[in-house]
C-alpha atoms as a PDB file:
ATOM      1  CA  MET A   1     -46.228 -16.649-126.369  1.00  0.00           C
ATOM      2  CA  SER A   2     -49.219 -18.745-125.430  1.00  0.00           C
ATOM      3  CA  ALA A   3     -48.825 -22.396-124.589  1.00  0.00           C
ATOM      4  CA  ARG A   4     -51.321 -25.134-125.412  1.00  0.00           C
ATOM      5  CA  LEU A   5     -51.572 -26.806-122.053  1.00  0.00           C
ATOM      6  CA  HIS A   6     -52.807 -30.123-120.792  1.00  0.00           C
ATOM      7  CA  GLY A   7     -53.118 -30.714-117.089  1.00  0.00           C
ATOM      8  CA  GLU A   8     -52.085 -28.423-114.285  1.00  0.00           C
ATOM      9  CA  VAL A   9     -50.478 -25.068-115.036  1.00  0.00           C
ATOM     10  CA  ALA A  10     -47.068 -24.868-113.423  1.00  0.00           C
ATOM     11  CA  HIS A  11     -45.815 -22.141-111.167  1.00  0.00           C
ATOM     12  CA  ILE A  12     -42.599 -20.912-112.817  1.00  0.00           C
ATOM     13  CA  ARG A  13     -40.209 -18.851-110.734  1.00  0.00           C
ATOM     14  CA  PRO A  14     -36.521 -17.932-110.563  1.00  0.00           C
ATOM     15  CA  MET A  15     -34.259 -20.767-109.432  1.00  0.00           C
ATOM     16  CA  ALA A  16     -32.671 -20.190-106.030  1.00  0.00           C
ATOM     17  CA  GLU A  17     -29.466 -21.671-104.626  1.00  0.00           C
ATOM     18  CA  ALA A  18     -31.685 -23.759-102.332  1.00  0.00           C
ATOM     19  CA  ASP A  19     -33.287 -25.378-105.422  1.00  0.00           C
ATOM     20  CA  VAL A  20     -30.006 -26.778-106.756  1.00  0.00           C
ATOM     21  CA  PRO A  21     -30.153 -30.116-104.859  1.00  0.00           C
ATOM     22  CA  ALA A  22     -33.672 -30.832-106.202  1.00  0.00           C
ATOM     23  CA  VAL A  23     -32.632 -29.722-109.691  1.00  0.00           C
ATOM     24  CA  MET A  24     -29.587 -32.016-109.486  1.00  0.00           C
ATOM     25  CA  ALA A  25     -31.774 -34.952-108.452  1.00  0.00           C
ATOM     26  CA  ILE A  26     -33.909 -34.481-111.585  1.00  0.00           C
ATOM     27  CA  GLU A  27     -30.852 -33.878-113.784  1.00  0.00           C
ATOM     28  CA  GLN A  28     -29.251 -37.108-112.604  1.00  0.00           C
ATOM     29  CA  ARG A  29     -32.465 -39.115-113.066  1.00  0.00           C
ATOM     30  CA  MET A  30     -33.145 -37.797-116.544  1.00  0.00           C
ATOM     31  CA  TYR A  31     -29.723 -37.670-118.206  1.00  0.00           C
ATOM     32  CA  PRO A  32     -27.033 -40.336-118.538  1.00  0.00           C
ATOM     33  CA  PHE A  33     -24.492 -37.464-118.750  1.00  0.00           C
ATOM     34  CA  PRO A  34     -25.871 -34.809-116.373  1.00  0.00           C
ATOM     35  CA  TRP A  35     -24.668 -31.297-115.736  1.00  0.00           C
ATOM     36  CA  THR A  36     -22.745 -30.882-112.497  1.00  0.00           C
ATOM     37  CA  GLU A  37     -23.920 -28.952-109.478  1.00  0.00           C
ATOM     38  CA  ARG A  38     -21.141 -26.453-110.173  1.00  0.00           C
ATOM     39  CA  ILE A  39     -22.538 -25.709-113.653  1.00  0.00           C
ATOM     40  CA  PHE A  40     -25.944 -24.842-112.193  1.00  0.00           C
ATOM     41  CA  ARG A  41     -24.376 -22.713-109.445  1.00  0.00           C
ATOM     42  CA  ASP A  42     -22.199 -20.916-112.020  1.00  0.00           C
ATOM     43  CA  CYS A  43     -25.282 -20.197-114.163  1.00  0.00           C
ATOM     44  CA  LEU A  44     -26.982 -18.646-111.143  1.00  0.00           C
ATOM     45  CA  ARG A  45     -23.852 -16.702-110.199  1.00  0.00           C
ATOM     46  CA  VAL A  46     -23.413 -15.091-113.628  1.00  0.00           C
ATOM     47  CA  GLY A  47     -27.084 -14.124-113.835  1.00  0.00           C
ATOM     48  CA  TYR A  48     -28.458 -16.456-116.488  1.00  0.00           C
ATOM     49  CA  ALA A  49     -32.231 -16.866-116.550  1.00  0.00           C
ATOM     50  CA  CYS A  50     -32.499 -19.965-114.360  1.00  0.00           C
ATOM     51  CA  ARG A  51     -36.111 -20.987-113.780  1.00  0.00           C
ATOM     52  CA  VAL A  52     -37.866 -23.801-111.972  1.00  0.00           C
ATOM     53  CA  ALA A  53     -41.384 -25.106-112.486  1.00  0.00           C
ATOM     54  CA  GLU A  54     -43.460 -26.462-109.644  1.00  0.00           C
ATOM     55  CA  GLN A  55     -46.502 -28.684-110.069  1.00  0.00           C
ATOM     56  CA  GLY A  56     -48.498 -30.171-107.245  1.00  0.00           C
ATOM     57  CA  GLY A  57     -46.109 -28.665-104.711  1.00  0.00           C
ATOM     58  CA  GLN A  58     -43.085 -30.415-106.271  1.00  0.00           C
ATOM     59  CA  LEU A  59     -40.190 -29.119-108.297  1.00  0.00           C
ATOM     60  CA  ALA A  60     -41.050 -30.728-111.625  1.00  0.00           C
ATOM     61  CA  GLY A  61     -38.720 -29.092-114.132  1.00  0.00           C
ATOM     62  CA  TYR A  62     -36.206 -26.361-114.787  1.00  0.00           C
ATOM     63  CA  ALA A  63     -34.641 -24.335-117.569  1.00  0.00           C
ATOM     64  CA  VAL A  64     -31.522 -22.222-118.085  1.00  0.00           C
ATOM     65  CA  MET A  65     -31.128 -19.479-120.714  1.00  0.00           C
ATOM     66  CA  SER A  66     -28.298 -17.059-121.408  1.00  0.00           C
ATOM     67  CA  SER A  67     -28.840 -13.861-123.369  1.00  0.00           C
ATOM     68  CA  GLY A  68     -26.823 -10.995-124.756  1.00  0.00           C
ATOM     69  CA  ALA A  69     -26.186  -9.004-127.915  1.00  0.00           C
ATOM     70  CA  GLY A  70     -29.718  -9.593-129.180  1.00  0.00           C
ATOM     71  CA  GLU A  71     -29.525 -13.391-128.906  1.00  0.00           C
ATOM     72  CA  ALA A  72     -30.576 -15.974-126.360  1.00  0.00           C
ATOM     73  CA  HIS A  73     -29.416 -19.535-125.942  1.00  0.00           C
ATOM     74  CA  ILE A  74     -31.482 -22.204-124.202  1.00  0.00           C
ATOM     75  CA  LEU A  75     -28.784 -24.151-122.372  1.00  0.00           C
ATOM     76  CA  ASN A  76     -30.885 -26.690-120.497  1.00  0.00           C
ATOM     77  CA  LEU A  77     -34.566 -27.556-120.249  1.00  0.00           C
ATOM     78  CA  CYS A  78     -35.677 -30.632-118.356  1.00  0.00           C
ATOM     79  CA  VAL A  79     -38.931 -32.042-117.016  1.00  0.00           C
ATOM     80  CA  ASP A  80     -38.880 -34.818-114.438  1.00  0.00           C
ATOM     81  CA  GLY A  81     -40.128 -38.117-115.864  1.00  0.00           C
ATOM     82  CA  GLU A  82     -43.256 -38.331-113.735  1.00  0.00           C
ATOM     83  CA  HIS A  83     -44.345 -34.880-114.957  1.00  0.00           C
ATOM     84  CA  GLN A  84     -43.698 -35.405-118.668  1.00  0.00           C
ATOM     85  CA  GLY A  85     -46.488 -35.439-121.220  1.00  0.00           C
ATOM     86  CA  ARG A  86     -48.541 -32.752-119.459  1.00  0.00           C
ATOM     87  CA  GLY A  87     -47.314 -29.643-121.265  1.00  0.00           C
ATOM     88  CA  LEU A  88     -44.750 -28.591-118.678  1.00  0.00           C
ATOM     89  CA  GLY A  89     -41.872 -28.459-121.170  1.00  0.00           C
ATOM     90  CA  ARG A  90     -44.003 -26.210-123.395  1.00  0.00           C
ATOM     91  CA  GLN A  91     -44.850 -23.976-120.419  1.00  0.00           C
ATOM     92  CA  LEU A  92     -41.178 -23.621-119.489  1.00  0.00           C
ATOM     93  CA  MET A  93     -40.164 -22.945-123.085  1.00  0.00           C
ATOM     94  CA  CYS A  94     -42.894 -20.336-123.585  1.00  0.00           C
ATOM     95  CA  HIS A  95     -41.866 -18.665-120.337  1.00  0.00           C
ATOM     96  CA  LEU A  96     -38.259 -18.412-121.564  1.00  0.00           C
ATOM     97  CA  LEU A  97     -39.362 -17.114-124.970  1.00  0.00           C
ATOM     98  CA  ASP A  98     -41.475 -14.429-123.279  1.00  0.00           C
ATOM     99  CA  GLU A  99     -38.455 -13.479-121.172  1.00  0.00           C
ATOM    100  CA  ALA A 100     -36.250 -13.358-124.255  1.00  0.00           C
ATOM    101  CA  ALA A 101     -38.743 -11.082-126.016  1.00  0.00           C
ATOM    102  CA  GLY A 102     -38.772  -8.843-122.929  1.00  0.00           C
ATOM    103  CA  ARG A 103     -34.993  -8.550-123.245  1.00  0.00           C
ATOM    104  CA  ALA A 104     -35.318  -7.440-126.902  1.00  0.00           C
ATOM    105  CA  VAL A 105     -33.787 -10.689-128.144  1.00  0.00           C
ATOM    106  CA  ASP A 106     -34.054 -11.182-131.913  1.00  0.00           C
ATOM    107  CA  ALA A 107     -33.127 -14.870-132.118  1.00  0.00           C
ATOM    108  CA  VAL A 108     -33.162 -17.833-129.760  1.00  0.00           C
ATOM    109  CA  PHE A 109     -30.863 -20.822-130.282  1.00  0.00           C
ATOM    110  CA  LEU A 110     -30.601 -24.263-128.745  1.00  0.00           C
ATOM    111  CA  GLU A 111     -28.957 -27.628-129.302  1.00  0.00           C
ATOM    112  CA  VAL A 112     -30.852 -30.887-129.065  1.00  0.00           C
ATOM    113  CA  ARG A 113     -29.986 -34.532-129.576  1.00  0.00           C
ATOM    114  CA  PRO A 114     -31.544 -35.706-132.863  1.00  0.00           C
ATOM    115  CA  SER A 115     -32.521 -38.861-130.948  1.00  0.00           C
ATOM    116  CA  ASN A 116     -34.675 -36.765-128.575  1.00  0.00           C
ATOM    117  CA  ARG A 117     -37.827 -36.908-130.708  1.00  0.00           C
ATOM    118  CA  ALA A 118     -40.147 -35.453-128.053  1.00  0.00           C
ATOM    119  CA  ALA A 119     -37.968 -32.361-127.612  1.00  0.00           C
ATOM    120  CA  LEU A 120     -37.557 -31.907-131.368  1.00  0.00           C
ATOM    121  CA  HIS A 121     -41.326 -32.079-131.806  1.00  0.00           C
ATOM    122  CA  LEU A 122     -41.887 -29.497-129.061  1.00  0.00           C
ATOM    123  CA  TYR A 123     -39.355 -27.069-130.504  1.00  0.00           C
ATOM    124  CA  GLU A 124     -40.687 -27.451-134.042  1.00  0.00           C
ATOM    125  CA  THR A 125     -44.270 -26.791-132.891  1.00  0.00           C
ATOM    126  CA  LEU A 126     -43.000 -23.582-131.278  1.00  0.00           C
ATOM    127  CA  GLY A 127     -41.522 -22.449-134.598  1.00  0.00           C
ATOM    128  CA  PHE A 128     -37.865 -23.424-134.237  1.00  0.00           C
ATOM    129  CA  ASN A 129     -36.052 -24.419-137.426  1.00  0.00           C
ATOM    130  CA  ARG A 130     -32.950 -26.539-137.857  1.00  0.00           C
ATOM    131  CA  VAL A 131     -30.034 -24.317-138.883  1.00  0.00           C
ATOM    132  CA  GLY A 132     -27.054 -26.608-138.481  1.00  0.00           C
ATOM    133  CA  THR A 133     -25.271 -29.459-136.751  1.00  0.00           C
ATOM    134  CA  ARG A 134     -22.583 -29.562-134.075  1.00  0.00           C
ATOM    135  CA  LYS A 135     -20.546 -32.707-134.734  1.00  0.00           C
ATOM    136  CA  ASP A 136     -19.833 -34.931-131.724  1.00  0.00           C
ATOM    137  CA  TYR A 137     -21.410 -32.390-129.341  1.00  0.00           C
ATOM    138  CA  TYR A 138     -22.961 -34.737-126.767  1.00  0.00           C
ATOM    139  CA  PRO A 139     -21.366 -37.601-124.857  1.00  0.00           C
ATOM    140  CA  ALA A 140     -23.118 -40.882-125.661  1.00  0.00           C
ATOM    141  CA  GLU A 141     -22.946 -44.491-124.545  1.00  0.00           C
ATOM    142  CA  ASN A 142     -20.814 -45.431-127.561  1.00  0.00           C
ATOM    143  CA  GLY A 143     -18.780 -42.273-128.077  1.00  0.00           C
ATOM    144  CA  ARG A 144     -20.375 -38.975-129.111  1.00  0.00           C
ATOM    145  CA  GLU A 145     -23.653 -37.806-130.644  1.00  0.00           C
ATOM    146  CA  ASP A 146     -24.174 -34.824-132.923  1.00  0.00           C
ATOM    147  CA  ALA A 147     -26.428 -31.951-131.882  1.00  0.00           C
ATOM    148  CA  ALA A 148     -29.056 -30.381-134.080  1.00  0.00           C
ATOM    149  CA  ILE A 149     -28.837 -26.587-133.833  1.00  0.00           C
ATOM    150  CA  LEU A 150     -32.263 -24.968-133.839  1.00  0.00           C
ATOM    151  CA  ALA A 151     -33.155 -21.292-134.085  1.00  0.00           C
ATOM    152  CA  LEU A 152     -36.254 -19.172-133.666  1.00  0.00           C
ATOM    153  CA  THR A 153     -36.527 -15.581-134.822  1.00  0.00           C
ATOM    154  CA  LEU A 154     -38.686 -13.527-132.481  1.00  0.00           C
ATOM    155  CA  ALA A 155     -41.028 -11.029-134.104  1.00  0.00           C
ATOM    156  CA  PHE A 156     -41.706  -7.735-132.393  1.00  0.00           C
ATOM    157  CA  PRO A 157     -44.634  -5.426-133.124  1.00  0.00           C
ATOM    158  CA  LEU A 158     -43.588  -2.235-134.906  1.00  0.00           C
ATOM    159  CA  GLN A 159     -43.999   0.863-132.790  1.00  0.00           C
END
């Protein structure tokens, strides 16, 4: 999957245990209801595809994807605020989609807040389609917010 990029190309690599504090700092800055450190450590422990992106020598974003039985699920994708708008989210997403294709995944799923217009736009430009709704999925300031369920079918060349 090729990404249309603006700005510096990120170095994307596997997340290490030593990255978790920096990942947590971004998670806590960017989300009013962040994942816990334990969730990230559990994702590493069970072997999910946990990736970090570095730009300008800084950890600038991260992503977590599970896969199995021909499907992948993007569980978390986040770009630090000062690095947003430069194509880093697209780079991370394309990296995960390439990994999913390499694992012979047929479909990739994710949930996103309908209020997160930038993320919705990114996913739609990558070919994701809305396939459903998870009622009251996300915690919100005034209760709960639904999640839009998006899916992308990966095409493989015939051999």
